[in-house]
PDB file of N, CA and C in Angstrom:
ATOM      1  N   MET A   1      40.583  18.326 -29.502  1.00  0.00           N
ATOM      2  CA  MET A   1      39.882  17.281 -28.746  1.00  0.00           C
ATOM      3  C   MET A   1      40.880  16.143 -28.510  1.00  0.00           C
ATOM      4  N   ASN A   2      40.924  15.666 -27.304  1.00  0.00           N
ATOM      5  CA  ASN A   2      41.810  14.596 -26.978  1.00  0.00           C
ATOM      6  C   ASN A   2      41.019  13.319 -26.888  1.00  0.00           C
ATOM      7  N   TYR A   3      41.663  12.247 -27.295  1.00  0.00           N
ATOM      8  CA  TYR A   3      41.071  10.926 -27.223  1.00  0.00           C
ATOM      9  C   TYR A   3      41.539  10.270 -25.958  1.00  0.00           C
ATOM     10  N   ILE A   4      40.563   9.645 -25.237  1.00  0.00           N
ATOM     11  CA  ILE A   4      40.928   8.947 -23.984  1.00  0.00           C
ATOM     12  C   ILE A   4      40.402   7.529 -24.151  1.00  0.00           C
ATOM     13  N   ASN A   5      41.185   6.587 -23.764  1.00  0.00           N
ATOM     14  CA  ASN A   5      40.757   5.195 -23.819  1.00  0.00           C
ATOM     15  C   ASN A   5      39.625   4.950 -22.798  1.00  0.00           C
ATOM     16  N   ALA A   6      38.503   4.548 -23.322  1.00  0.00           N
ATOM     17  CA  ALA A   6      37.305   4.362 -22.422  1.00  0.00           C
ATOM     18  C   ALA A   6      37.596   3.356 -21.367  1.00  0.00           C
ATOM     19  N   ASP A   7      38.497   2.391 -21.644  1.00  0.00           N
ATOM     20  CA  ASP A   7      38.900   1.387 -20.691  1.00  0.00           C
ATOM     21  C   ASP A   7      39.452   2.011 -19.394  1.00  0.00           C
ATOM     22  N   ALA A   8      40.102   3.186 -19.550  1.00  0.00           N
ATOM     23  CA  ALA A   8      40.726   3.823 -18.392  1.00  0.00           C
ATOM     24  C   ALA A   8      39.769   4.611 -17.576  1.00  0.00           C
ATOM     25  N   ILE A   9      38.645   5.023 -18.097  1.00  0.00           N
ATOM     26  CA  ILE A   9      37.768   5.974 -17.322  1.00  0.00           C
ATOM     27  C   ILE A   9      36.348   5.500 -17.075  1.00  0.00           C
ATOM     28  N   LEU A  10      35.894   4.567 -17.868  1.00  0.00           N
ATOM     29  CA  LEU A  10      34.467   4.119 -17.655  1.00  0.00           C
ATOM     30  C   LEU A  10      34.370   2.858 -16.808  1.00  0.00           C
ATOM     31  N   PRO A  11      33.303   2.755 -16.047  1.00  0.00           N
ATOM     32  CA  PRO A  11      33.099   1.484 -15.307  1.00  0.00           C
ATOM     33  C   PRO A  11      32.913   0.332 -16.257  1.00  0.00           C
ATOM     34  N   GLU A  12      33.344  -0.849 -15.861  1.00  0.00           N
ATOM     35  CA  GLU A  12      33.342  -2.008 -16.725  1.00  0.00           C
ATOM     36  C   GLU A  12      31.970  -2.331 -17.336  1.00  0.00           C
ATOM     37  N   GLU A  13      30.893  -2.175 -16.503  1.00  0.00           N
ATOM     38  CA  GLU A  13      29.529  -2.492 -17.016  1.00  0.00           C
ATOM     39  C   GLU A  13      29.149  -1.494 -18.115  1.00  0.00           C
ATOM     40  N   LEU A  14      29.464  -0.215 -17.915  1.00  0.00           N
ATOM     41  CA  LEU A  14      29.100   0.794 -18.890  1.00  0.00           C
ATOM     42  C   LEU A  14      29.892   0.554 -20.184  1.00  0.00           C
ATOM     43  N   LEU A  15      31.174   0.197 -20.074  1.00  0.00           N
ATOM     44  CA  LEU A  15      32.011  -0.057 -21.211  1.00  0.00           C
ATOM     45  C   LEU A  15      31.452  -1.235 -22.024  1.00  0.00           C
ATOM     46  N   ARG A  16      31.048  -2.321 -21.352  1.00  0.00           N
ATOM     47  CA  ARG A  16      30.481  -3.483 -22.051  1.00  0.00           C
ATOM     48  C   ARG A  16      29.188  -3.096 -22.739  1.00  0.00           C
ATOM     49  N   GLU A  17      28.365  -2.260 -22.130  1.00  0.00           N
ATOM     50  CA  GLU A  17      27.119  -1.838 -22.778  1.00  0.00           C
ATOM     51  C   GLU A  17      27.424  -1.038 -24.034  1.00  0.00           C
ATOM     52  N   ILE A  18      28.382  -0.115 -23.986  1.00  0.00           N
ATOM     53  CA  ILE A  18      28.734   0.660 -25.142  1.00  0.00           C
ATOM     54  C   ILE A  18      29.328  -0.240 -26.221  1.00  0.00           C
ATOM     55  N   GLN A  19      30.115  -1.199 -25.855  1.00  0.00           N
ATOM     56  CA  GLN A  19      30.724  -2.123 -26.821  1.00  0.00           C
ATOM     57  C   GLN A  19      29.669  -2.943 -27.539  1.00  0.00           C
ATOM     58  N   ARG A  20      28.509  -3.187 -26.856  1.00  0.00           N
ATOM     59  CA  ARG A  20      27.440  -3.908 -27.510  1.00  0.00           C
ATOM     60  C   ARG A  20      26.893  -3.135 -28.695  1.00  0.00           C
ATOM     61  N   HIS A  21      26.849  -1.814 -28.548  1.00  0.00           N
ATOM     62  CA  HIS A  21      26.288  -0.960 -29.594  1.00  0.00           C
ATOM     63  C   HIS A  21      27.326  -0.530 -30.644  1.00  0.00           C
ATOM     64  N   ILE A  22      28.553  -0.326 -30.213  1.00  0.00           N
ATOM     65  CA  ILE A  22      29.596   0.154 -31.153  1.00  0.00           C
ATOM     66  C   ILE A  22      30.889  -0.581 -30.757  1.00  0.00           C
ATOM     67  N   PRO A  23      31.024  -1.823 -31.220  1.00  0.00           N
ATOM     68  CA  PRO A  23      32.259  -2.603 -30.914  1.00  0.00           C
ATOM     69  C   PRO A  23      33.470  -2.007 -31.651  1.00  0.00           C
ATOM     70  N   GLY A  24      34.417  -1.507 -30.926  1.00  0.00           N
ATOM     71  CA  GLY A  24      35.638  -1.015 -31.511  1.00  0.00           C
ATOM     72  C   GLY A  24      35.520   0.309 -32.262  1.00  0.00           C
ATOM     73  N   GLY A  25      34.321   0.988 -32.162  1.00  0.00           N
ATOM     74  CA  GLY A  25      34.172   2.226 -32.850  1.00  0.00           C
ATOM     75  C   GLY A  25      34.583   3.482 -32.000  1.00  0.00           C
ATOM     76  N   LEU A  26      34.490   4.614 -32.621  1.00  0.00           N
ATOM     77  CA  LEU A  26      34.761   5.884 -31.922  1.00  0.00           C
ATOM     78  C   LEU A  26      33.458   6.554 -31.551  1.00  0.00           C
ATOM     79  N   VAL A  27      33.398   7.081 -30.355  1.00  0.00           N
ATOM     80  CA  VAL A  27      32.194   7.757 -29.906  1.00  0.00           C
ATOM     81  C   VAL A  27      32.556   9.167 -29.425  1.00  0.00           C
ATOM     82  N   TYR A  28      31.796  10.184 -29.907  1.00  0.00           N
ATOM     83  CA  TYR A  28      31.973  11.528 -29.479  1.00  0.00           C
ATOM     84  C   TYR A  28      30.999  11.765 -28.345  1.00  0.00           C
ATOM     85  N   ILE A  29      31.460  12.278 -27.220  1.00  0.00           N
ATOM     86  CA  ILE A  29      30.575  12.631 -26.110  1.00  0.00           C
ATOM     87  C   ILE A  29      30.548  14.138 -25.991  1.00  0.00           C
ATOM     88  N   PRO A  30      29.434  14.804 -26.338  1.00  0.00           N
ATOM     89  CA  PRO A  30      29.390  16.224 -26.325  1.00  0.00           C
ATOM     90  C   PRO A  30      29.257  16.745 -24.919  1.00  0.00           C
ATOM     91  N   LYS A  31      29.584  18.025 -24.729  1.00  0.00           N
ATOM     92  CA  LYS A  31      29.343  18.694 -23.446  1.00  0.00           C
ATOM     93  C   LYS A  31      27.880  18.815 -23.167  1.00  0.00           C
ATOM     94  N   PRO A  32      27.529  18.897 -21.884  1.00  0.00           N
ATOM     95  CA  PRO A  32      26.094  19.121 -21.561  1.00  0.00           C
ATOM     96  C   PRO A  32      25.654  20.465 -22.129  1.00  0.00           C
ATOM     97  N   LYS A  33      24.388  20.601 -22.454  1.00  0.00           N
ATOM     98  CA  LYS A  33      23.856  21.846 -23.042  1.00  0.00           C
ATOM     99  C   LYS A  33      24.200  23.070 -22.159  1.00  0.00           C
ATOM    100  N   GLU A  34      24.157  22.902 -20.792  1.00  0.00           N
ATOM    101  CA  GLU A  34      24.425  23.985 -19.945  1.00  0.00           C
ATOM    102  C   GLU A  34      25.835  24.502 -20.066  1.00  0.00           C
ATOM    103  N   ALA A  35      26.768  23.656 -20.528  1.00  0.00           N
ATOM    104  CA  ALA A  35      28.175  24.053 -20.621  1.00  0.00           C
ATOM    105  C   ALA A  35      28.435  24.943 -21.862  1.00  0.00           C
ATOM    106  N   HIS A  36      27.524  24.983 -22.832  1.00  0.00           N
ATOM    107  CA  HIS A  36      27.714  25.818 -23.986  1.00  0.00           C
ATOM    108  C   HIS A  36      27.394  27.239 -23.693  1.00  0.00           C
ATOM    109  N   LYS A  37      28.265  28.183 -24.081  1.00  0.00           N
ATOM    110  CA  LYS A  37      28.007  29.563 -23.884  1.00  0.00           C
ATOM    111  C   LYS A  37      27.892  30.236 -25.235  1.00  0.00           C
ATOM    112  N   LYS A  38      27.126  31.332 -25.270  1.00  0.00           N
ATOM    113  CA  LYS A  38      26.970  32.078 -26.508  1.00  0.00           C
ATOM    114  C   LYS A  38      28.206  32.909 -26.769  1.00  0.00           C
ATOM    115  N   TRP A  39      28.332  33.380 -28.064  1.00  0.00           N
ATOM    116  CA  TRP A  39      29.450  34.172 -28.448  1.00  0.00           C
ATOM    117  C   TRP A  39      29.673  35.283 -27.481  1.00  0.00           C
ATOM    118  N   GLY A  40      30.929  35.496 -27.000  1.00  0.00           N
ATOM    119  CA  GLY A  40      31.282  36.623 -26.223  1.00  0.00           C
ATOM    120  C   GLY A  40      30.918  36.584 -24.721  1.00  0.00           C
ATOM    121  N   GLU A  41      30.246  35.516 -24.291  1.00  0.00           N
ATOM    122  CA  GLU A  41      29.876  35.463 -22.852  1.00  0.00           C
ATOM    123  C   GLU A  41      31.086  35.179 -21.967  1.00  0.00           C
ATOM    124  N   LYS A  42      31.943  34.344 -22.426  1.00  0.00           N
ATOM    125  CA  LYS A  42      33.129  33.973 -21.646  1.00  0.00           C
ATOM    126  C   LYS A  42      34.111  35.133 -21.525  1.00  0.00           C
ATOM    127  N   SER A  43      34.329  35.891 -22.638  1.00  0.00           N
ATOM    128  CA  SER A  43      35.349  36.899 -22.666  1.00  0.00           C
ATOM    129  C   SER A  43      34.780  38.282 -22.218  1.00  0.00           C
ATOM    130  N   GLY A  44      33.417  38.384 -22.209  1.00  0.00           N
ATOM    131  CA  GLY A  44      32.841  39.660 -21.817  1.00  0.00           C
ATOM    132  C   GLY A  44      32.526  40.570 -23.034  1.00  0.00           C
ATOM    133  N   SER A  45      32.923  40.107 -24.256  1.00  0.00           N
ATOM    134  CA  SER A  45      32.692  40.937 -25.423  1.00  0.00           C
ATOM    135  C   SER A  45      31.215  41.154 -25.650  1.00  0.00           C
ATOM    136  N   ARG A  46      30.346  40.200 -25.370  1.00  0.00           N
ATOM    137  CA  ARG A  46      28.935  40.347 -25.571  1.00  0.00           C
ATOM    138  C   ARG A  46      28.382  41.520 -24.791  1.00  0.00           C
ATOM    139  N   ALA A  47      28.793  41.626 -23.536  1.00  0.00           N
ATOM    140  CA  ALA A  47      28.368  42.740 -22.627  1.00  0.00           C
ATOM    141  C   ALA A  47      28.891  44.061 -23.135  1.00  0.00           C
ATOM    142  N   VAL A  48      30.090  44.095 -23.646  1.00  0.00           N
ATOM    143  CA  VAL A  48      30.671  45.366 -24.136  1.00  0.00           C
ATOM    144  C   VAL A  48      29.926  45.836 -25.364  1.00  0.00           C
ATOM    145  N   VAL A  49      29.582  44.943 -26.288  1.00  0.00           N
ATOM    146  CA  VAL A  49      28.843  45.308 -27.492  1.00  0.00           C
ATOM    147  C   VAL A  49      27.461  45.729 -27.120  1.00  0.00           C
ATOM    148  N   LYS A  50      26.809  45.056 -26.159  1.00  0.00           N
ATOM    149  CA  LYS A  50      25.454  45.407 -25.731  1.00  0.00           C
ATOM    150  C   LYS A  50      25.440  46.840 -25.190  1.00  0.00           C
ATOM    151  N   GLU A  51      26.412  47.176 -24.311  1.00  0.00           N
ATOM    152  CA  GLU A  51      26.484  48.508 -23.720  1.00  0.00           C
ATOM    153  C   GLU A  51      26.753  49.562 -24.803  1.00  0.00           C
ATOM    154  N   ARG A  52      27.656  49.247 -25.756  1.00  0.00           N
ATOM    155  CA  ARG A  52      27.916  50.159 -26.826  1.00  0.00           C
ATOM    156  C   ARG A  52      26.661  50.445 -27.664  1.00  0.00           C
ATOM    157  N   ASN A  53      25.915  49.423 -27.970  1.00  0.00           N
ATOM    158  CA  ASN A  53      24.714  49.590 -28.760  1.00  0.00           C
ATOM    159  C   ASN A  53      23.655  50.383 -28.016  1.00  0.00           C
ATOM    160  N   GLU A  54      23.525  50.153 -26.716  1.00  0.00           N
ATOM    161  CA  GLU A  54      22.571  50.944 -25.880  1.00  0.00           C
ATOM    162  C   GLU A  54      23.009  52.381 -25.909  1.00  0.00           C
ATOM    163  N   ARG A  55      24.286  52.659 -25.828  1.00  0.00           N
ATOM    164  CA  ARG A  55      24.798  54.028 -25.846  1.00  0.00           C
ATOM    165  C   ARG A  55      24.487  54.666 -27.204  1.00  0.00           C
ATOM    166  N   ILE A  56      24.675  53.975 -28.309  1.00  0.00           N
ATOM    167  CA  ILE A  56      24.371  54.460 -29.624  1.00  0.00           C
ATOM    168  C   ILE A  56      22.896  54.799 -29.680  1.00  0.00           C
ATOM    169  N   ARG A  57      22.001  53.938 -29.198  1.00  0.00           N
ATOM    170  CA  ARG A  57      20.560  54.198 -29.266  1.00  0.00           C
ATOM    171  C   ARG A  57      20.196  55.445 -28.449  1.00  0.00           C
ATOM    172  N   ARG A  58      20.830  55.571 -27.298  1.00  0.00           N
ATOM    173  CA  ARG A  58      20.528  56.802 -26.446  1.00  0.00           C
ATOM    174  C   ARG A  58      20.958  58.092 -27.170  1.00  0.00           C
ATOM    175  N   LEU A  59      22.154  58.042 -27.756  1.00  0.00           N
ATOM    176  CA  LEU A  59      22.648  59.222 -28.450  1.00  0.00           C
ATOM    177  C   LEU A  59      21.762  59.561 -29.668  1.00  0.00           C
ATOM    178  N   PHE A  60      21.331  58.556 -30.366  1.00  0.00           N
ATOM    179  CA  PHE A  60      20.480  58.739 -31.562  1.00  0.00           C
ATOM    180  C   PHE A  60      19.167  59.340 -31.104  1.00  0.00           C
ATOM    181  N   ALA A  61      18.602  58.800 -30.013  1.00  0.00           N
ATOM    182  CA  ALA A  61      17.335  59.362 -29.502  1.00  0.00           C
ATOM    183  C   ALA A  61      17.513  60.830 -29.028  1.00  0.00           C
ATOM    184  N   ALA A  62      18.703  61.153 -28.591  1.00  0.00           N
ATOM    185  CA  ALA A  62      18.971  62.531 -28.164  1.00  0.00           C
ATOM    186  C   ALA A  62      19.251  63.522 -29.331  1.00  0.00           C
ATOM    187  N   GLY A  63      19.273  62.985 -30.539  1.00  0.00           N
ATOM    188  CA  GLY A  63      19.395  63.826 -31.707  1.00  0.00           C
ATOM    189  C   GLY A  63      20.719  63.770 -32.433  1.00  0.00           C
ATOM    190  N   VAL A  64      21.625  62.888 -32.053  1.00  0.00           N
ATOM    191  CA  VAL A  64      22.889  62.753 -32.763  1.00  0.00           C
ATOM    192  C   VAL A  64      22.584  62.005 -34.097  1.00  0.00           C
ATOM    193  N   THR A  65      23.156  62.517 -35.173  1.00  0.00           N
ATOM    194  CA  THR A  65      22.847  61.932 -36.481  1.00  0.00           C
ATOM    195  C   THR A  65      23.572  60.592 -36.692  1.00  0.00           C
ATOM    196  N   VAL A  66      23.054  59.846 -37.680  1.00  0.00           N
ATOM    197  CA  VAL A  66      23.704  58.574 -38.048  1.00  0.00           C
ATOM    198  C   VAL A  66      25.163  58.816 -38.476  1.00  0.00           C
ATOM    199  N   HIS A  67      25.370  59.839 -39.279  1.00  0.00           N
ATOM    200  CA  HIS A  67      26.720  60.152 -39.736  1.00  0.00           C
ATOM    201  C   HIS A  67      27.684  60.431 -38.585  1.00  0.00           C
ATOM    202  N   GLU A  68      27.229  61.227 -37.596  1.00  0.00           N
ATOM    203  CA  GLU A  68      28.066  61.512 -36.465  1.00  0.00           C
ATOM    204  C   GLU A  68      28.343  60.272 -35.660  1.00  0.00           C
ATOM    205  N   LEU A  69      27.367  59.386 -35.559  1.00  0.00           N
ATOM    206  CA  LEU A  69      27.616  58.114 -34.834  1.00  0.00           C
ATOM    207  C   LEU A  69      28.593  57.208 -35.545  1.00  0.00           C
ATOM    208  N   THR A  70      28.589  57.216 -36.856  1.00  0.00           N
ATOM    209  CA  THR A  70      29.537  56.385 -37.614  1.00  0.00           C
ATOM    210  C   THR A  70      30.949  56.882 -37.357  1.00  0.00           C
ATOM    211  N   GLU A  71      31.139  58.184 -37.266  1.00  0.00           N
ATOM    212  CA  GLU A  71      32.468  58.731 -37.003  1.00  0.00           C
ATOM    213  C   GLU A  71      32.908  58.512 -35.555  1.00  0.00           C
ATOM    214  N   ARG A  72      31.923  58.606 -34.637  1.00  0.00           N
ATOM    215  CA  ARG A  72      32.286  58.486 -33.223  1.00  0.00           C
ATOM    216  C   ARG A  72      32.588  57.032 -32.841  1.00  0.00           C
ATOM    217  N   PHE A  73      31.892  56.050 -33.427  1.00  0.00           N
ATOM    218  CA  PHE A  73      32.045  54.644 -33.027  1.00  0.00           C
ATOM    219  C   PHE A  73      32.760  53.802 -34.074  1.00  0.00           C
ATOM    220  N   PHE A  74      33.203  54.439 -35.170  1.00  0.00           N
ATOM    221  CA  PHE A  74      33.992  53.769 -36.204  1.00  0.00           C
ATOM    222  C   PHE A  74      33.206  52.562 -36.810  1.00  0.00           C
ATOM    223  N   LEU A  75      31.921  52.711 -37.026  1.00  0.00           N
ATOM    224  CA  LEU A  75      31.091  51.691 -37.604  1.00  0.00           C
ATOM    225  C   LEU A  75      30.547  52.226 -38.949  1.00  0.00           C
ATOM    226  N   SER A  76      30.116  51.312 -39.844  1.00  0.00           N
ATOM    227  CA  SER A  76      29.499  51.725 -41.087  1.00  0.00           C
ATOM    228  C   SER A  76      28.113  52.287 -40.860  1.00  0.00           C
ATOM    229  N   ILE A  77      27.675  53.027 -41.863  1.00  0.00           N
ATOM    230  CA  ILE A  77      26.303  53.585 -41.775  1.00  0.00           C
ATOM    231  C   ILE A  77      25.261  52.508 -41.630  1.00  0.00           C
ATOM    232  N   ASP A  78      25.476  51.367 -42.371  1.00  0.00           N
ATOM    233  CA  ASP A  78      24.531  50.263 -42.244  1.00  0.00           C
ATOM    234  C   ASP A  78      24.501  49.680 -40.848  1.00  0.00           C
ATOM    235  N   SER A  79      25.684  49.544 -40.268  1.00  0.00           N
ATOM    236  CA  SER A  79      25.764  48.996 -38.897  1.00  0.00           C
ATOM    237  C   SER A  79      25.032  49.891 -37.868  1.00  0.00           C
ATOM    238  N   ILE A  80      25.222  51.201 -37.990  1.00  0.00           N
ATOM    239  CA  ILE A  80      24.571  52.131 -37.084  1.00  0.00           C
ATOM    240  C   ILE A  80      23.042  52.042 -37.318  1.00  0.00           C
ATOM    241  N   LYS A  81      22.632  52.023 -38.594  1.00  0.00           N
ATOM    242  CA  LYS A  81      21.176  51.926 -38.825  1.00  0.00           C
ATOM    243  C   LYS A  81      20.546  50.681 -38.248  1.00  0.00           C
ATOM    244  N   LYS A  82      21.277  49.554 -38.371  1.00  0.00           N
ATOM    245  CA  LYS A  82      20.756  48.274 -37.803  1.00  0.00           C
ATOM    246  C   LYS A  82      20.591  48.386 -36.312  1.00  0.00           C
ATOM    247  N   ILE A  83      21.522  49.079 -35.649  1.00  0.00           N
ATOM    248  CA  ILE A  83      21.493  49.259 -34.194  1.00  0.00           C
ATOM    249  C   ILE A  83      20.334  50.176 -33.795  1.00  0.00           C
ATOM    250  N   VAL A  84      20.245  51.353 -34.438  1.00  0.00           N
ATOM    251  CA  VAL A  84      19.233  52.375 -33.957  1.00  0.00           C
ATOM    252  C   VAL A  84      17.808  51.951 -34.384  1.00  0.00           C
ATOM    253  N   TYR A  85      17.637  51.269 -35.499  1.00  0.00           N
ATOM    254  CA  TYR A  85      16.296  50.919 -35.939  1.00  0.00           C
ATOM    255  C   TYR A  85      15.845  49.564 -35.553  1.00  0.00           C
ATOM    256  N   SER A  86      16.671  48.777 -34.813  1.00  0.00           N
ATOM    257  CA  SER A  86      16.241  47.449 -34.340  1.00  0.00           C
ATOM    258  C   SER A  86      15.281  47.616 -33.189  1.00  0.00           C
ATOM    259  N   LYS A  87      14.457  46.596 -32.944  1.00  0.00           N
ATOM    260  CA  LYS A  87      13.384  46.665 -31.943  1.00  0.00           C
ATOM    261  C   LYS A  87      13.925  46.022 -30.645  1.00  0.00           C
ATOM    262  N   LYS A  88      15.002  46.488 -30.080  1.00  0.00           N
ATOM    263  CA  LYS A  88      15.509  45.924 -28.839  1.00  0.00           C
ATOM    264  C   LYS A  88      15.389  46.897 -27.683  1.00  0.00           C
TER     265      LYS A  88
END
């Protein structure tokens, strides 16, 4: 996070109003809520994991065993069970 002198970017009236509340203090200004993304949305990892999990569920429904799925997808038995028995 970079610090920017408020004097350089804020209008004078706004700066004076902020100084009334926090004279000489530091203020953190968060991003708008719309700017926050969930894990993996930016890189595409979230979509890849979702597709993989859907594929695992389809294979399990088609009769592939949990043990075979662990070997095919390199996941633990517990991970496969969480995927196939979840209500998604």
